[in-house]
Amino acid sequence: MEVTASEFQRNFGQFKELAQREAVTVTSNGRPSVVLISVAEFAILEKLRQEHASDVGDEFQRLAQERAATHKDVLDGLSK
């Protein structure tokens, strides 16, 4: 569901209850601004974020090692 910021302020309780069942997107000047979701949905998002945070770190480390191997001669020269 999408509502304006003014409507959201006037009917916060109604949208708080609705957010238990579905996301409520609040718009400002016709553009999405924030999304109200239930605590259960937020917990799922946080769990996914934590699970995939290490994927990003692992990928970064792999790429860094790959780049270091590719430019080993230059890096060795700089370290002297």
C-alpha atoms as a PDB file:
ATOM      1  CA  MET A   1       0.000   0.000   0.000  1.00  0.00           C
ATOM      2  CA  GLU A   2       1.175   3.546  -0.720  1.00  0.00           C
ATOM      3  CA  VAL A   3       0.081   6.639   1.230  1.00  0.00           C
ATOM      4  CA  THR A   4       1.088  10.274   1.383  1.00  0.00           C
ATOM      5  CA  ALA A   5       3.060  11.533   4.377  1.00  0.00           C
ATOM      6  CA  SER A   6       0.095  13.699   5.417  1.00  0.00           C
ATOM      7  CA  GLU A   7      -2.328  10.781   5.308  1.00  0.00           C
ATOM      8  CA  PHE A   8       0.166   8.627   7.199  1.00  0.00           C
ATOM      9  CA  GLN A   9       0.439  11.217   9.981  1.00  0.00           C
ATOM     10  CA  ARG A  10      -3.333  11.574  10.281  1.00  0.00           C
ATOM     11  CA  ASN A  11      -3.958   7.821  10.410  1.00  0.00           C
ATOM     12  CA  PHE A  12      -0.788   6.391  11.938  1.00  0.00           C
ATOM     13  CA  GLY A  13      -2.617   3.765  14.001  1.00  0.00           C
ATOM     14  CA  GLN A  14      -4.443   2.415  10.953  1.00  0.00           C
ATOM     15  CA  PHE A  15      -1.233   2.144   8.919  1.00  0.00           C
ATOM     16  CA  LYS A  16       0.662   0.637  11.853  1.00  0.00           C
ATOM     17  CA  GLU A  17      -1.914  -2.159  11.951  1.00  0.00           C
ATOM     18  CA  LEU A  18      -1.826  -2.552   8.163  1.00  0.00           C
ATOM     19  CA  ALA A  19       1.972  -2.854   8.260  1.00  0.00           C
ATOM     20  CA  GLN A  20       1.535  -6.066  10.272  1.00  0.00           C
ATOM     21  CA  ARG A  21       0.130  -7.615   7.093  1.00  0.00           C
ATOM     22  CA  GLU A  22       1.827  -5.701   4.274  1.00  0.00           C
ATOM     23  CA  ALA A  23       4.440  -3.030   3.675  1.00  0.00           C
ATOM     24  CA  VAL A  24       3.200   0.566   3.759  1.00  0.00           C
ATOM     25  CA  THR A  25       5.140   2.945   1.511  1.00  0.00           C
ATOM     26  CA  VAL A  26       4.965   6.586   2.574  1.00  0.00           C
ATOM     27  CA  THR A  27       5.421   9.131  -0.195  1.00  0.00           C
ATOM     28  CA  SER A  28       6.659  12.685   0.020  1.00  0.00           C
ATOM     29  CA  ASN A  29       6.141  15.012  -2.919  1.00  0.00           C
ATOM     30  CA  GLY A  30       4.911  12.047  -4.949  1.00  0.00           C
ATOM     31  CA  ARG A  31       8.040   9.962  -4.402  1.00  0.00           C
ATOM     32  CA  PRO A  32       8.550   6.976  -2.086  1.00  0.00           C
ATOM     33  CA  SER A  33      10.250   8.150   1.090  1.00  0.00           C
ATOM     34  CA  VAL A  34      10.059   5.398   3.722  1.00  0.00           C
ATOM     35  CA  VAL A  35       8.478   1.982   4.168  1.00  0.00           C
ATOM     36  CA  LEU A  36       6.773   0.805   7.345  1.00  0.00           C
ATOM     37  CA  ILE A  37       7.020  -2.956   7.901  1.00  0.00           C
ATOM     38  CA  SER A  38       6.314  -5.308  10.771  1.00  0.00           C
ATOM     39  CA  VAL A  39       8.968  -6.316  13.267  1.00  0.00           C
ATOM     40  CA  ALA A  40       8.777  -9.864  11.871  1.00  0.00           C
ATOM     41  CA  GLU A  41       9.541  -8.635   8.341  1.00  0.00           C
ATOM     42  CA  PHE A  42      12.363  -6.454   9.656  1.00  0.00           C
ATOM     43  CA  ALA A  43      13.864  -9.448  11.488  1.00  0.00           C
ATOM     44  CA  ILE A  44      13.845 -11.447   8.250  1.00  0.00           C
ATOM     45  CA  LEU A  45      15.591  -8.610   6.402  1.00  0.00           C
ATOM     46  CA  GLU A  46      18.212  -8.272   9.138  1.00  0.00           C
ATOM     47  CA  LYS A  47      18.857 -12.022   9.100  1.00  0.00           C
ATOM     48  CA  LEU A  48      19.325 -11.972   5.328  1.00  0.00           C
ATOM     49  CA  ARG A  49      21.625  -8.963   5.585  1.00  0.00           C
ATOM     50  CA  GLN A  50      23.791 -10.717   8.178  1.00  0.00           C
ATOM     51  CA  GLU A  51      23.867 -13.963   6.201  1.00  0.00           C
ATOM     52  CA  HIS A  52      25.028 -12.198   3.052  1.00  0.00           C
ATOM     53  CA  ALA A  53      27.417  -9.739   4.682  1.00  0.00           C
ATOM     54  CA  SER A  54      30.135 -12.390   4.762  1.00  0.00           C
ATOM     55  CA  ASP A  55      29.487 -13.166   1.073  1.00  0.00           C
ATOM     56  CA  VAL A  56      30.462  -9.599   0.227  1.00  0.00           C
ATOM     57  CA  GLY A  57      33.533  -9.831   2.446  1.00  0.00           C
ATOM     58  CA  ASP A  58      34.566 -13.167   0.918  1.00  0.00           C
ATOM     59  CA  GLU A  59      34.088 -11.821  -2.612  1.00  0.00           C
ATOM     60  CA  PHE A  60      36.093  -8.695  -1.798  1.00  0.00           C
ATOM     61  CA  GLN A  61      38.908 -10.774  -0.349  1.00  0.00           C
ATOM     62  CA  ARG A  62      38.955 -13.054  -3.416  1.00  0.00           C
ATOM     63  CA  LEU A  63      39.094 -10.061  -5.773  1.00  0.00           C
ATOM     64  CA  ALA A  64      41.821  -8.383  -3.718  1.00  0.00           C
ATOM     65  CA  GLN A  65      43.952 -11.538  -3.776  1.00  0.00           C
ATOM     66  CA  GLU A  66      43.372 -11.898  -7.513  1.00  0.00           C
ATOM     67  CA  ARG A  67      44.460  -8.289  -8.136  1.00  0.00           C
ATOM     68  CA  ALA A  68      47.478  -8.688  -5.865  1.00  0.00           C
ATOM     69  CA  ALA A  69      48.568 -11.795  -7.785  1.00  0.00           C
ATOM     70  CA  THR A  70      48.088 -10.021 -11.121  1.00  0.00           C
ATOM     71  CA  HIS A  71      50.219  -7.067  -9.995  1.00  0.00           C
ATOM     72  CA  LYS A  72      52.684  -8.980  -7.831  1.00  0.00           C
ATOM     73  CA  ASP A  73      55.800  -7.522  -9.500  1.00  0.00           C
ATOM     74  CA  VAL A  74      54.614  -3.931  -9.005  1.00  0.00           C
ATOM     75  CA  LEU A  75      53.603  -4.571  -5.404  1.00  0.00           C
ATOM     76  CA  ASP A  76      56.934  -6.268  -4.672  1.00  0.00           C
ATOM     77  CA  GLY A  77      58.764  -3.269  -6.136  1.00  0.00           C
ATOM     78  CA  LEU A  78      56.773  -0.840  -4.021  1.00  0.00           C
ATOM     79  CA  SER A  79      57.447  -2.789  -0.836  1.00  0.00           C
ATOM     80  CA  LYS A  80      61.250  -2.425  -1.200  1.00  0.00           C
END
